[in-house]
């Protein structure tokens, strides 16, 4: 299957960006995973309903490092990327069918002040309470 372009607009992050370093062709490579939620509205008038869409995205390289540094739970973003198959066989020889979303372009929608305030709140929430 060919890659399919996916766009997720006006999304907010459901949690912190998870950053790890994996072995690549040329050494260690940054890989970040984030979950973005966007609300979609369908119908009109009294039939209008809201539906939340949650997508797990993967970012690579410097893009991954920047996302981990500047984004946190609640950050607002626009994401453009591709959807592709990731089918494989597990250790028992069973077929595993999966799809993945990989970020090609990300827009940070929060202002610098909003972003810094969110990072400060998140850092304080991670600190243990003193008695």
Protein backbone atom coordinates (compact mmCIF):
# COMPACT_ATOMS: atom_id res chain seq x y z
CA UNK A 1 0.00 0.00 0.00
CA UNK A 2 1.27 3.46 -0.84
CA UNK A 3 1.56 6.10 1.85
CA UNK A 4 -1.56 8.15 2.50
CA UNK A 5 -1.34 11.76 3.69
CA UNK A 6 -3.15 12.53 6.95
CA UNK A 7 -3.86 15.98 8.39
CA UNK A 8 -4.94 16.57 11.99
CA UNK A 9 -5.81 20.20 12.69
CA UNK A 10 -6.33 22.05 15.98
CA UNK A 11 -5.35 19.04 18.07
CA UNK A 12 -4.18 19.03 21.67
CA UNK A 13 -1.78 16.56 23.23
CA UNK A 14 -3.29 13.96 25.54
CA UNK A 15 -0.05 13.56 27.51
CA UNK A 16 3.66 14.23 27.54
CA UNK A 17 5.78 13.52 24.47
CA UNK A 18 7.68 10.26 24.99
CA UNK A 19 11.27 10.54 23.71
CA UNK A 20 13.71 7.68 23.26
CA UNK A 21 16.86 7.05 21.26
CA UNK A 22 16.95 4.04 18.96
CA UNK A 23 19.68 2.52 16.80
CA UNK A 24 19.60 3.91 13.28
CA UNK A 25 21.77 3.40 10.21
CA UNK A 26 24.13 6.15 11.30
CA UNK A 27 24.04 5.70 15.08
CA UNK A 28 21.48 6.77 17.65
CA UNK A 29 18.31 8.42 16.36
CA UNK A 30 15.68 10.32 18.36
CA UNK A 31 12.16 8.90 18.23
CA UNK A 32 9.22 10.62 19.89
CA UNK A 33 5.66 9.43 20.27
CA UNK A 34 2.71 11.67 21.04
CA UNK A 35 -1.04 11.26 21.14
CA UNK A 36 -3.04 14.11 19.65
CA UNK A 37 -6.79 14.53 20.09
CA UNK A 38 -8.97 16.70 17.91
CA UNK A 39 -12.70 17.25 18.07
CA UNK A 40 -14.74 16.92 14.92
CA UNK A 41 -18.29 18.10 14.44
CA UNK A 42 -20.72 16.23 12.21
CA UNK A 43 -24.20 17.17 11.11
CA UNK A 44 -26.02 20.45 11.53
CA UNK A 45 -28.64 22.03 13.75
CA UNK A 46 -30.01 19.74 16.45
CA UNK A 47 -28.36 16.74 14.76
CA UNK A 48 -24.88 18.23 15.26
CA UNK A 49 -22.62 16.00 17.34
CA UNK A 50 -19.05 16.24 18.53
CA UNK A 51 -16.66 13.32 18.18
CA UNK A 52 -13.10 13.13 19.52
CA UNK A 53 -10.44 11.60 17.27
CA UNK A 54 -7.22 10.36 18.89
CA UNK A 55 -4.13 9.53 16.80
CA UNK A 56 -0.76 8.20 17.97
CA UNK A 57 1.97 9.93 15.94
CA UNK A 58 5.70 9.17 15.65
CA UNK A 59 8.34 11.85 15.03
CA UNK A 60 12.01 11.28 14.16
CA UNK A 61 15.35 13.10 14.51
CA UNK A 62 15.55 16.77 15.44
CA UNK A 63 11.79 17.11 15.00
CA UNK A 64 11.35 14.52 17.78
CA UNK A 65 13.84 16.27 20.08
CA UNK A 66 12.17 19.66 19.58
CA UNK A 67 8.70 18.24 20.23
CA UNK A 68 9.90 16.64 23.48
CA UNK A 69 11.48 19.92 24.57
CA UNK A 70 8.68 22.35 23.68
CA UNK A 71 5.44 20.36 23.85
CA UNK A 72 3.57 18.92 26.82
CA UNK A 73 0.16 17.72 27.83
CA UNK A 74 -2.44 20.12 26.47
CA UNK A 75 -0.19 21.73 23.83
CA UNK A 76 -2.02 22.69 20.66
CA UNK A 77 -0.66 21.55 17.28
CA UNK A 78 -1.45 20.97 13.62
CA UNK A 79 0.02 17.74 12.25
CA UNK A 80 0.61 16.61 8.69
CA UNK A 81 2.00 13.19 8.04
CA UNK A 82 1.56 9.85 6.41
CA UNK A 83 -0.29 6.70 7.22
CA UNK A 84 1.42 3.47 6.27
CA UNK A 85 1.23 -0.25 6.90
CA UNK A 86 3.52 -1.87 9.40
CA UNK A 87 2.66 -5.54 8.97
CA UNK A 88 4.97 -8.20 10.39
CA UNK A 89 5.08 -11.67 11.90
CA UNK A 90 5.38 -12.14 15.64
CA UNK A 91 7.71 -14.62 17.38
CA UNK A 92 5.14 -17.42 17.00
CA UNK A 93 4.80 -16.81 13.26
CA UNK A 94 1.42 -15.10 13.49
CA UNK A 95 0.64 -12.19 11.19
CA UNK A 96 0.33 -8.80 12.88
CA UNK A 97 -1.45 -6.08 10.93
CA UNK A 98 -0.82 -2.51 12.02
CA UNK A 99 -0.90 1.03 10.72
CA UNK A 100 1.34 3.87 11.81
CA UNK A 101 1.16 7.64 11.57
CA UNK A 102 4.48 9.43 10.96
CA UNK A 103 4.76 13.22 11.26
CA UNK A 104 6.19 15.09 8.28
CA UNK A 105 5.25 18.61 9.40
CA UNK A 106 4.13 19.98 12.76
CA UNK A 107 2.89 23.48 13.61
CA UNK A 108 3.12 24.62 17.22
CA UNK A 109 -0.04 26.66 17.82
CA UNK A 110 0.59 27.90 21.38
CA UNK A 111 2.25 31.25 21.97
CA UNK A 112 5.68 31.27 23.60
CA UNK A 113 4.13 32.48 26.89
CA UNK A 114 1.48 29.71 26.86
CA UNK A 115 4.12 27.10 26.12
CA UNK A 116 6.43 28.27 28.92
CA UNK A 117 3.55 28.43 31.43
CA UNK A 118 2.50 24.88 30.52
CA UNK A 119 6.07 23.57 30.88
CA UNK A 120 6.36 25.23 34.31
CA UNK A 121 3.04 23.71 35.48
CA UNK A 122 4.03 20.27 34.18
CA UNK A 123 7.46 20.46 35.87
CA UNK A 124 5.86 21.46 39.19
CA UNK A 125 3.33 18.63 38.93
CA UNK A 126 6.17 16.10 38.51
CA UNK A 127 7.99 17.26 41.66
CA UNK A 128 7.20 15.31 44.83
CA UNK A 129 5.26 17.17 47.49
CA UNK A 130 7.27 18.22 50.54
CA UNK A 131 5.88 17.65 54.02
